[in-house]
Amino acid sequence: MKMTAKITHRYFEFNPKNGADYYALISAKNKEEAINVYYRDISDRDDEPDTDCKELTSAEAWKKCQNADDVEGELSIEEKLEEFEGNGVILWPMELIQ
């Protein structure tokens, strides 16, 4: 499937290798917004945000979404694309779901 939608978001990856508490892939307008979403929705710390993240291209982020396991069962490619085009947390750690 070829992506044809205009990309309106930027994608940021938080990784424990870079000092994050948990892995997360977040869609946001900018890095500051992504960090705020990470601390609001993912991190269990109340500290001031000090975690760094890596910006991914939309192609890199989409590949990670396609390869990610789906907790609720198999999502269709259309459902994954809908989540991918949304704003906010796209992928998060399994520990937070269970």
N, C-alpha and C. Protein backbone atom coordinates (compact mmCIF):
# COMPACT_ATOMS: atom_id res chain seq x y z
N MET A 1 0.84 -1.18 0.00
CA MET A 1 0.00 0.00 0.00
C MET A 1 0.88 1.23 0.00
N LYS A 2 0.64 2.14 -0.89
CA LYS A 2 1.41 3.37 -0.97
C LYS A 2 0.69 4.46 -0.19
N MET A 3 1.44 5.16 0.65
CA MET A 3 0.85 6.24 1.43
C MET A 3 0.65 7.44 0.50
N THR A 4 -0.55 7.96 0.50
CA THR A 4 -0.85 9.09 -0.36
C THR A 4 -1.29 10.31 0.43
N ALA A 5 -1.56 10.16 1.71
CA ALA A 5 -2.02 11.27 2.54
C ALA A 5 -0.87 12.26 2.76
N LYS A 6 -1.22 13.51 2.82
CA LYS A 6 -0.23 14.54 3.12
C LYS A 6 0.18 14.40 4.58
N ILE A 7 1.47 14.36 4.82
CA ILE A 7 1.99 14.21 6.19
C ILE A 7 1.90 15.55 6.91
N THR A 8 1.19 15.57 8.01
CA THR A 8 1.03 16.80 8.77
C THR A 8 1.70 16.73 10.13
N HIS A 9 2.26 15.57 10.47
CA HIS A 9 2.88 15.39 11.77
C HIS A 9 4.35 15.04 11.60
N ARG A 10 5.06 15.22 12.67
CA ARG A 10 6.43 14.75 12.76
C ARG A 10 6.41 13.60 13.77
N TYR A 11 7.37 12.70 13.65
CA TYR A 11 7.38 11.49 14.47
C TYR A 11 8.64 11.43 15.33
N PHE A 12 8.44 11.16 16.61
CA PHE A 12 9.54 11.17 17.58
C PHE A 12 9.57 9.84 18.32
N GLU A 13 10.77 9.26 18.39
CA GLU A 13 10.95 7.97 19.04
C GLU A 13 11.69 8.18 20.36
N PHE A 14 11.10 7.67 21.43
CA PHE A 14 11.72 7.68 22.75
C PHE A 14 12.21 6.27 23.01
N ASN A 15 13.45 6.14 23.44
CA ASN A 15 14.05 4.83 23.59
C ASN A 15 14.87 4.79 24.87
N PRO A 16 14.77 3.70 25.66
CA PRO A 16 15.58 3.59 26.87
C PRO A 16 17.08 3.72 26.59
N LYS A 17 17.52 3.38 25.39
CA LYS A 17 18.94 3.54 25.04
C LYS A 17 19.36 5.00 25.07
N ASN A 18 18.38 5.91 24.94
CA ASN A 18 18.65 7.35 24.95
C ASN A 18 18.18 8.02 26.23
N GLY A 19 17.94 7.25 27.27
CA GLY A 19 17.58 7.81 28.56
C GLY A 19 16.09 7.83 28.88
N ALA A 20 15.24 7.35 28.00
CA ALA A 20 13.79 7.32 28.27
C ALA A 20 13.47 6.17 29.21
N ASP A 21 12.40 6.34 29.98
CA ASP A 21 11.95 5.26 30.88
C ASP A 21 11.40 4.08 30.09
N TYR A 22 10.64 4.37 29.05
CA TYR A 22 9.98 3.36 28.22
C TYR A 22 10.10 3.75 26.75
N TYR A 23 9.91 2.76 25.89
CA TYR A 23 9.87 3.04 24.47
C TYR A 23 8.52 3.68 24.12
N ALA A 24 8.54 4.63 23.21
CA ALA A 24 7.29 5.20 22.67
C ALA A 24 7.58 5.85 21.33
N LEU A 25 6.60 5.81 20.47
CA LEU A 25 6.64 6.53 19.20
C LEU A 25 5.46 7.49 19.24
N ILE A 26 5.78 8.78 19.10
CA ILE A 26 4.77 9.82 19.27
C ILE A 26 4.73 10.72 18.04
N SER A 27 3.53 11.01 17.61
CA SER A 27 3.29 11.94 16.52
C SER A 27 2.95 13.29 17.13
N ALA A 28 3.65 14.33 16.70
CA ALA A 28 3.43 15.65 17.27
C ALA A 28 3.85 16.73 16.27
N LYS A 29 3.47 17.97 16.57
CA LYS A 29 3.85 19.09 15.70
C LYS A 29 5.34 19.40 15.81
N ASN A 30 5.89 19.20 17.01
CA ASN A 30 7.30 19.52 17.23
C ASN A 30 7.85 18.69 18.39
N LYS A 31 9.14 18.78 18.61
CA LYS A 31 9.82 17.99 19.64
C LYS A 31 9.29 18.33 21.04
N GLU A 32 9.08 19.60 21.32
CA GLU A 32 8.60 20.01 22.65
C GLU A 32 7.24 19.38 22.95
N GLU A 33 6.35 19.39 21.97
CA GLU A 33 5.04 18.77 22.16
C GLU A 33 5.17 17.27 22.38
N ALA A 34 6.06 16.62 21.64
CA ALA A 34 6.27 15.18 21.80
C ALA A 34 6.77 14.86 23.20
N ILE A 35 7.70 15.64 23.71
CA ILE A 35 8.22 15.41 25.06
C ILE A 35 7.11 15.61 26.09
N ASN A 36 6.29 16.62 25.92
CA ASN A 36 5.17 16.84 26.86
C ASN A 36 4.18 15.67 26.83
N VAL A 37 3.88 15.16 25.66
CA VAL A 37 2.98 14.00 25.54
C VAL A 37 3.61 12.79 26.21
N TYR A 38 4.91 12.59 26.01
CA TYR A 38 5.60 11.46 26.62
C TYR A 38 5.49 11.51 28.15
N TYR A 39 5.76 12.67 28.73
CA TYR A 39 5.69 12.78 30.19
C TYR A 39 4.26 12.74 30.71
N ARG A 40 3.31 13.16 29.93
CA ARG A 40 1.91 13.12 30.37
C ARG A 40 1.33 11.71 30.27
N ASP A 41 1.65 10.99 29.17
CA ASP A 41 0.97 9.73 28.89
C ASP A 41 1.80 8.47 29.09
N ILE A 42 3.11 8.56 29.08
CA ILE A 42 3.95 7.37 29.12
C ILE A 42 4.80 7.27 30.38
N SER A 43 5.58 8.27 30.67
CA SER A 43 6.53 8.21 31.78
C SER A 43 5.81 8.20 33.11
N ASP A 44 6.35 7.45 34.06
CA ASP A 44 5.77 7.41 35.39
C ASP A 44 6.51 8.34 36.35
N ARG A 45 7.40 9.14 35.82
CA ARG A 45 8.12 10.10 36.65
C ARG A 45 7.40 11.44 36.66
N ASP A 46 7.53 12.16 37.74
CA ASP A 46 6.95 13.50 37.84
C ASP A 46 8.03 14.57 37.68
N ASP A 47 9.23 14.15 37.32
CA ASP A 47 10.33 15.10 37.17
C ASP A 47 10.10 16.03 36.00
N GLU A 48 10.93 17.04 35.97
CA GLU A 48 10.94 17.91 34.80
C GLU A 48 11.40 17.09 33.60
N PRO A 49 10.82 17.33 32.46
CA PRO A 49 11.23 16.58 31.26
C PRO A 49 12.72 16.75 30.96
N ASP A 50 13.43 15.62 30.92
CA ASP A 50 14.85 15.67 30.58
C ASP A 50 15.22 14.55 29.61
N THR A 51 14.23 13.84 29.12
CA THR A 51 14.46 12.76 28.18
C THR A 51 14.56 13.32 26.78
N ASP A 52 15.50 12.79 26.02
CA ASP A 52 15.64 13.22 24.64
C ASP A 52 14.96 12.21 23.74
N CYS A 53 14.67 12.61 22.54
CA CYS A 53 14.03 11.73 21.57
C CYS A 53 14.68 11.95 20.21
N LYS A 54 14.43 10.99 19.35
CA LYS A 54 14.99 11.03 17.99
C LYS A 54 13.85 11.24 17.02
N GLU A 55 14.01 12.20 16.11
CA GLU A 55 12.98 12.40 15.10
C GLU A 55 13.18 11.38 13.99
N LEU A 56 12.09 10.74 13.58
CA LEU A 56 12.11 9.77 12.50
C LEU A 56 11.39 10.35 11.29
N THR A 57 11.76 9.88 10.13
CA THR A 57 11.00 10.25 8.94
C THR A 57 9.65 9.55 9.01
N SER A 58 8.71 10.00 8.24
CA SER A 58 7.40 9.34 8.23
C SER A 58 7.53 7.90 7.73
N ALA A 59 8.44 7.66 6.79
CA ALA A 59 8.65 6.30 6.29
C ALA A 59 9.21 5.39 7.38
N GLU A 60 10.18 5.88 8.17
CA GLU A 60 10.74 5.09 9.27
C GLU A 60 9.68 4.79 10.33
N ALA A 61 8.89 5.81 10.66
CA ALA A 61 7.85 5.64 11.68
C ALA A 61 6.78 4.66 11.19
N TRP A 62 6.40 4.77 9.92
CA TRP A 62 5.38 3.87 9.37
C TRP A 62 5.87 2.43 9.38
N LYS A 63 7.14 2.22 9.07
CA LYS A 63 7.70 0.86 9.09
C LYS A 63 7.61 0.27 10.50
N LYS A 64 7.91 1.07 11.51
CA LYS A 64 7.82 0.59 12.90
C LYS A 64 6.38 0.22 13.24
N CYS A 65 5.43 1.01 12.78
CA CYS A 65 4.02 0.72 13.03
C CYS A 65 3.59 -0.57 12.34
N GLN A 66 4.03 -0.76 11.13
CA GLN A 66 3.67 -1.96 10.39
C GLN A 66 4.23 -3.21 11.06
N ASN A 67 5.43 -3.11 11.64
CA ASN A 67 6.11 -4.25 12.23
C ASN A 67 5.73 -4.50 13.69
N ALA A 68 4.99 -3.59 14.30
CA ALA A 68 4.65 -3.71 15.71
C ALA A 68 3.56 -4.76 15.92
N ASP A 69 3.64 -5.46 17.05
CA ASP A 69 2.60 -6.41 17.42
C ASP A 69 1.36 -5.63 17.85
N ASP A 70 0.23 -6.16 17.53
CA ASP A 70 -1.05 -5.56 17.85
C ASP A 70 -1.66 -6.29 19.04
N VAL A 71 -1.89 -5.58 20.13
CA VAL A 71 -2.40 -6.18 21.36
C VAL A 71 -3.83 -6.68 21.21
N GLU A 72 -4.65 -5.96 20.48
CA GLU A 72 -6.07 -6.28 20.39
C GLU A 72 -6.37 -7.33 19.33
N GLY A 73 -5.38 -7.86 18.69
CA GLY A 73 -5.61 -8.75 17.56
C GLY A 73 -5.03 -8.07 16.34
N GLU A 74 -5.25 -8.63 15.22
CA GLU A 74 -4.70 -8.07 14.00
C GLU A 74 -5.51 -6.89 13.50
N LEU A 75 -4.90 -5.71 13.54
CA LEU A 75 -5.52 -4.54 12.94
C LEU A 75 -5.31 -4.60 11.44
N SER A 76 -6.26 -4.13 10.70
CA SER A 76 -6.08 -4.05 9.25
C SER A 76 -5.08 -2.94 8.94
N ILE A 77 -4.55 -2.96 7.75
CA ILE A 77 -3.61 -1.93 7.33
C ILE A 77 -4.27 -0.55 7.38
N GLU A 78 -5.55 -0.49 7.06
CA GLU A 78 -6.28 0.77 7.11
C GLU A 78 -6.38 1.30 8.54
N GLU A 79 -6.62 0.39 9.50
CA GLU A 79 -6.71 0.80 10.91
C GLU A 79 -5.35 1.27 11.42
N LYS A 80 -4.28 0.58 11.03
CA LYS A 80 -2.94 1.02 11.43
C LYS A 80 -2.63 2.39 10.84
N LEU A 81 -3.02 2.61 9.58
CA LEU A 81 -2.78 3.89 8.93
C LEU A 81 -3.56 5.00 9.62
N GLU A 82 -4.78 4.70 10.04
CA GLU A 82 -5.58 5.70 10.75
C GLU A 82 -4.92 6.10 12.06
N GLU A 83 -4.40 5.14 12.81
CA GLU A 83 -3.69 5.45 14.05
C GLU A 83 -2.42 6.25 13.76
N PHE A 84 -1.72 5.86 12.71
CA PHE A 84 -0.47 6.50 12.33
C PHE A 84 -0.69 7.98 11.98
N GLU A 85 -1.79 8.28 11.35
CA GLU A 85 -2.06 9.65 10.92
C GLU A 85 -2.62 10.52 12.05
N GLY A 86 -2.90 9.92 13.20
CA GLY A 86 -3.41 10.68 14.33
C GLY A 86 -2.28 11.40 15.06
N ASN A 87 -2.65 12.24 15.98
CA ASN A 87 -1.69 12.98 16.79
C ASN A 87 -1.61 12.31 18.16
N GLY A 88 -0.42 12.20 18.71
CA GLY A 88 -0.24 11.62 20.03
C GLY A 88 0.56 10.34 20.00
N VAL A 89 0.35 9.48 20.99
CA VAL A 89 1.12 8.25 21.13
C VAL A 89 0.66 7.25 20.07
N ILE A 90 1.61 6.73 19.31
CA ILE A 90 1.31 5.74 18.28
C ILE A 90 1.69 4.34 18.76
N LEU A 91 2.89 4.21 19.29
CA LEU A 91 3.35 2.93 19.86
C LEU A 91 3.79 3.19 21.29
N TRP A 92 3.51 2.24 22.16
CA TRP A 92 3.87 2.36 23.57
C TRP A 92 4.27 1.00 24.09
N PRO A 93 4.88 0.97 25.29
CA PRO A 93 5.38 -0.31 25.83
C PRO A 93 4.27 -1.21 26.33
N MET A 94 4.48 -2.50 26.14
CA MET A 94 3.51 -3.50 26.59
C MET A 94 3.29 -3.44 28.10
N GLU A 95 4.33 -3.07 28.86
CA GLU A 95 4.20 -3.03 30.32
C GLU A 95 3.09 -2.08 30.76
N LEU A 96 2.85 -1.03 29.99
CA LEU A 96 1.84 -0.06 30.37
C LEU A 96 0.43 -0.53 30.03
N ILE A 97 0.31 -1.54 29.20
CA ILE A 97 -1.00 -2.03 28.78
C ILE A 97 -1.51 -3.11 29.70
N GLN A 98 -0.61 -3.93 30.19
CA GLN A 98 -1.01 -5.09 31.00
C GLN A 98 -1.36 -4.72 32.41
